[in-house]
Structures are given as structure tokens and as C-alpha cells.
Amino acid sequence: MEQPRPDAAGPGPPALRQVLRFAGVVRFRPDTHAADADTIVDVRGVHPAAQG
């Protein structure tokens, strides 16, 4: 099975697709560490209330 092309990953800007891919990893892998989830939230741009 060949690797899918980056532009075949779905709609939206490449960065958004990458973030959604990361979010999918966190959502579907229970063994993902909480620190990884925190990093992904930072990448997505957490709302100001959560930064204080």
C-alpha cells in the first residue's frame, strides 16, 4: 500500500490537516501521554483563558 500524497489527506490548509492528524492520534490512541495532548493543544492555539 503506497503512501497517500499530502494533498490527498483532506480539505483545508496543510497545517490544519496536520493538526487534525495529530488530534486524531490523541483521540484514537489511549496510550498517548497527556503531555502529547498538551503539546497538540498548544499547536492548535489554546484560548487565552487556558494560558493563564
N, C-alpha and C. Protein backbone atom coordinates (compact mmCIF):
# COMPACT_ATOMS: atom_id res chain seq x y z
N MET A 1 0.85 -1.19 0.00
CA MET A 1 0.00 0.00 0.00
C MET A 1 0.89 1.25 0.00
N GLU A 2 0.72 2.09 -1.00
CA GLU A 2 1.59 3.24 -1.13
C GLU A 2 1.17 4.37 -0.20
N GLN A 3 2.11 5.25 0.10
CA GLN A 3 1.83 6.39 0.96
C GLN A 3 0.88 7.36 0.25
N PRO A 4 -0.15 7.86 0.94
CA PRO A 4 -1.03 8.86 0.33
C PRO A 4 -0.29 10.17 0.15
N ARG A 5 -0.60 10.89 -0.91
CA ARG A 5 0.04 12.18 -1.14
C ARG A 5 -0.47 13.18 -0.11
N PRO A 6 0.37 14.14 0.29
CA PRO A 6 -0.06 15.14 1.28
C PRO A 6 -1.34 15.86 0.87
N ASP A 7 -1.49 16.14 -0.43
CA ASP A 7 -2.68 16.86 -0.87
C ASP A 7 -3.92 15.97 -0.93
N ALA A 8 -3.74 14.69 -0.62
CA ALA A 8 -4.88 13.77 -0.63
C ALA A 8 -5.42 13.52 0.79
N ALA A 9 -4.84 14.23 1.75
CA ALA A 9 -5.20 13.99 3.16
C ALA A 9 -6.58 14.55 3.50
N GLY A 10 -7.06 15.51 2.73
CA GLY A 10 -8.36 16.07 3.02
C GLY A 10 -8.42 17.56 2.73
N PRO A 11 -9.56 18.18 2.99
CA PRO A 11 -9.72 19.61 2.73
C PRO A 11 -8.98 20.47 3.74
N GLY A 12 -8.76 21.72 3.37
CA GLY A 12 -8.14 22.66 4.30
C GLY A 12 -6.66 22.84 4.05
N PRO A 13 -6.07 23.84 4.70
CA PRO A 13 -4.64 24.11 4.57
C PRO A 13 -3.82 22.94 5.10
N PRO A 14 -2.62 22.73 4.58
CA PRO A 14 -1.78 21.61 5.06
C PRO A 14 -1.56 21.63 6.57
N ALA A 15 -1.35 22.82 7.13
CA ALA A 15 -1.12 22.90 8.58
C ALA A 15 -2.34 22.41 9.35
N LEU A 16 -3.52 22.78 8.86
CA LEU A 16 -4.74 22.35 9.54
C LEU A 16 -4.88 20.83 9.46
N ARG A 17 -4.60 20.27 8.30
CA ARG A 17 -4.67 18.80 8.16
C ARG A 17 -3.70 18.14 9.11
N GLN A 18 -2.50 18.74 9.25
CA GLN A 18 -1.51 18.15 10.15
C GLN A 18 -2.01 18.18 11.59
N VAL A 19 -2.60 19.30 11.99
CA VAL A 19 -3.13 19.41 13.35
C VAL A 19 -4.25 18.39 13.56
N LEU A 20 -5.13 18.27 12.58
CA LEU A 20 -6.22 17.31 12.70
C LEU A 20 -5.67 15.89 12.79
N ARG A 21 -4.59 15.62 12.05
CA ARG A 21 -3.99 14.29 12.11
C ARG A 21 -3.45 14.04 13.52
N PHE A 22 -2.77 15.04 14.09
CA PHE A 22 -2.27 14.90 15.46
C PHE A 22 -3.42 14.67 16.43
N ALA A 23 -4.48 15.45 16.26
CA ALA A 23 -5.62 15.33 17.15
C ALA A 23 -6.22 13.93 17.05
N GLY A 24 -6.23 13.38 15.84
CA GLY A 24 -6.75 12.03 15.64
C GLY A 24 -5.90 11.01 16.39
N VAL A 25 -4.59 11.23 16.39
CA VAL A 25 -3.70 10.31 17.11
C VAL A 25 -4.03 10.33 18.59
N VAL A 26 -4.25 11.53 19.13
CA VAL A 26 -4.57 11.64 20.56
C VAL A 26 -5.93 11.01 20.84
N ARG A 27 -6.88 11.23 19.94
CA ARG A 27 -8.24 10.75 20.19
C ARG A 27 -8.30 9.23 20.14
N PHE A 28 -7.59 8.62 19.20
CA PHE A 28 -7.77 7.19 18.97
C PHE A 28 -6.69 6.33 19.59
N ARG A 29 -5.72 6.94 20.25
CA ARG A 29 -4.68 6.13 20.91
C ARG A 29 -4.71 6.38 22.41
N PRO A 30 -5.35 5.51 23.17
CA PRO A 30 -5.45 5.70 24.61
C PRO A 30 -4.09 5.72 25.30
N ASP A 31 -3.07 5.14 24.66
CA ASP A 31 -1.75 5.09 25.28
C ASP A 31 -0.96 6.37 25.06
N THR A 32 -1.55 7.36 24.39
CA THR A 32 -0.85 8.63 24.18
C THR A 32 -0.73 9.35 25.52
N HIS A 33 0.45 9.89 25.76
CA HIS A 33 0.69 10.58 27.02
C HIS A 33 -0.05 11.91 27.08
N ALA A 34 -0.41 12.32 28.27
CA ALA A 34 -1.12 13.59 28.44
C ALA A 34 -0.25 14.75 27.95
N ALA A 35 1.06 14.63 28.11
CA ALA A 35 1.95 15.71 27.67
C ALA A 35 1.82 15.91 26.16
N ASP A 36 1.65 14.84 25.41
CA ASP A 36 1.47 14.96 23.97
C ASP A 36 0.19 15.72 23.67
N ALA A 37 -0.87 15.44 24.41
CA ALA A 37 -2.14 16.13 24.20
C ALA A 37 -1.96 17.62 24.49
N ASP A 38 -1.22 17.95 25.54
CA ASP A 38 -0.98 19.36 25.86
C ASP A 38 -0.23 20.05 24.74
N THR A 39 0.76 19.36 24.17
CA THR A 39 1.53 19.94 23.08
C THR A 39 0.63 20.22 21.89
N ILE A 40 -0.26 19.29 21.60
CA ILE A 40 -1.15 19.46 20.45
C ILE A 40 -2.10 20.64 20.68
N VAL A 41 -2.57 20.80 21.90
CA VAL A 41 -3.43 21.94 22.21
C VAL A 41 -2.66 23.23 21.95
N ASP A 42 -1.39 23.27 22.35
CA ASP A 42 -0.57 24.46 22.12
C ASP A 42 -0.42 24.73 20.63
N VAL A 43 -0.21 23.67 19.85
CA VAL A 43 -0.04 23.83 18.41
C VAL A 43 -1.32 24.40 17.80
N ARG A 44 -2.46 23.95 18.28
CA ARG A 44 -3.73 24.41 17.74
C ARG A 44 -4.00 25.86 18.14
N GLY A 45 -3.37 26.32 19.20
CA GLY A 45 -3.62 27.68 19.67
C GLY A 45 -4.71 27.65 20.72
N VAL A 46 -4.30 27.37 21.95
CA VAL A 46 -5.28 27.28 23.02
C VAL A 46 -5.84 28.67 23.33
N HIS A 47 -7.07 28.74 23.77
CA HIS A 47 -7.67 30.04 24.02
C HIS A 47 -7.01 30.71 25.23
N PRO A 48 -6.98 32.04 25.27
CA PRO A 48 -6.22 32.78 26.29
C PRO A 48 -6.56 32.38 27.72
N ALA A 49 -7.81 32.03 27.99
CA ALA A 49 -8.20 31.70 29.36
C ALA A 49 -7.42 30.49 29.88
N ALA A 50 -7.05 29.57 28.98
CA ALA A 50 -6.35 28.37 29.40
C ALA A 50 -4.85 28.61 29.55
N GLN A 51 -4.36 29.75 29.09
CA GLN A 51 -2.92 30.02 29.17
C GLN A 51 -2.54 30.65 30.50
N GLY A 52 -3.51 31.19 31.23
CA GLY A 52 -3.20 31.88 32.48
C GLY A 52 -3.19 30.92 33.63
